[in-house]
């Protein structure tokens, strides 16, 4: 996404707004720090990360998950005892 400083935004506001209206949002920054995001009205919001609820019921986690292969892992770290 394009980022412009305040001075550039003031100078080219008409052009930038026109681009945003056509689906090219931009960020206005002050001293390199992002301040605002300009997007067209009615533009779709940023997509949220997809949840994995669709996998519900597809697998199960054993009750002893945190202790699985405990002996084997200890042997790898500490050797045979």
Protein backbone atom coordinates (compact mmCIF):
# COMPACT_ATOMS: atom_id res chain seq x y z
CA UNK A 1 0.00 0.00 0.00
CA UNK A 2 1.24 3.43 -0.94
CA UNK A 3 2.36 5.78 1.84
CA UNK A 4 2.69 9.55 1.37
CA UNK A 5 3.81 12.32 3.70
CA UNK A 6 1.45 15.12 4.68
CA UNK A 7 3.04 17.67 2.34
CA UNK A 8 2.74 15.33 -0.65
CA UNK A 9 -0.86 14.51 0.34
CA UNK A 10 -1.76 18.23 0.42
CA UNK A 11 -0.07 18.83 -2.91
CA UNK A 12 -1.67 15.87 -4.72
CA UNK A 13 -4.87 15.39 -2.72
CA UNK A 14 -7.24 15.36 -5.71
CA UNK A 15 -5.19 12.73 -7.54
CA UNK A 16 -4.76 10.59 -4.42
CA UNK A 17 -8.46 10.72 -3.56
CA UNK A 18 -9.36 9.73 -7.11
CA UNK A 19 -7.00 6.75 -6.90
CA UNK A 20 -8.47 5.72 -3.53
CA UNK A 21 -11.97 5.95 -4.99
CA UNK A 22 -10.87 3.49 -7.69
CA UNK A 23 -9.64 0.92 -5.16
CA UNK A 24 -6.10 2.09 -4.42
CA UNK A 25 -6.09 3.09 -0.73
CA UNK A 26 -3.13 5.00 0.70
CA UNK A 27 -1.64 5.98 4.04
CA UNK A 28 -0.77 9.52 5.10
CA UNK A 29 2.31 9.65 7.31
CA UNK A 30 3.86 12.38 9.45
CA UNK A 31 7.62 12.20 9.96
CA UNK A 32 7.53 8.65 8.59
CA UNK A 33 4.92 7.51 11.13
CA UNK A 34 1.63 6.30 9.60
CA UNK A 35 -1.24 8.49 10.78
CA UNK A 36 -4.35 7.70 8.70
CA UNK A 37 -5.49 5.30 6.00
CA UNK A 38 -7.62 6.67 3.16
CA UNK A 39 -9.99 4.16 1.52
CA UNK A 40 -13.05 4.50 -0.67
CA UNK A 41 -16.43 4.53 1.04
CA UNK A 42 -17.98 1.12 0.64
CA UNK A 43 -14.61 -0.55 0.10
CA UNK A 44 -14.50 -4.03 1.60
CA UNK A 45 -12.83 -4.12 5.00
CA UNK A 46 -9.51 -5.91 5.39
CA UNK A 47 -10.09 -9.62 5.53
CA UNK A 48 -9.77 -11.24 8.91
CA UNK A 49 -7.64 -14.37 9.17
CA UNK A 50 -9.52 -17.50 8.26
CA UNK A 51 -10.55 -19.54 11.26
CA UNK A 52 -10.06 -23.26 11.38
CA UNK A 53 -13.56 -24.00 12.64
CA UNK A 54 -14.18 -25.86 9.42
CA UNK A 55 -11.87 -28.58 10.72
CA UNK A 56 -13.98 -29.10 13.84
CA UNK A 57 -14.56 -32.80 14.40
CA UNK A 58 -11.95 -33.83 11.82
CA UNK A 59 -9.35 -34.87 14.39
CA UNK A 60 -8.90 -35.22 18.12
CA UNK A 61 -6.09 -34.42 20.51
CA UNK A 62 -5.25 -37.12 23.06
CA UNK A 63 -5.56 -36.22 26.75
CA UNK A 64 -1.88 -37.07 27.29
CA UNK A 65 -0.71 -34.91 24.36
CA UNK A 66 1.78 -32.98 26.51
CA UNK A 67 3.34 -36.24 27.73
CA UNK A 68 3.39 -38.17 24.45
CA UNK A 69 6.78 -39.68 23.61
CA UNK A 70 8.14 -38.39 26.93
CA UNK A 71 10.60 -41.28 27.32
CA UNK A 72 11.87 -41.02 23.76
CA UNK A 73 12.44 -37.28 24.05
CA UNK A 74 14.28 -37.68 27.36
CA UNK A 75 16.51 -40.30 25.74
CA UNK A 76 17.30 -37.93 22.87
CA UNK A 77 18.33 -35.16 25.28
CA UNK A 78 19.93 -37.14 28.08
CA UNK A 79 20.88 -40.42 26.44
CA UNK A 80 20.28 -43.93 27.75
CA UNK A 81 19.96 -44.23 31.50
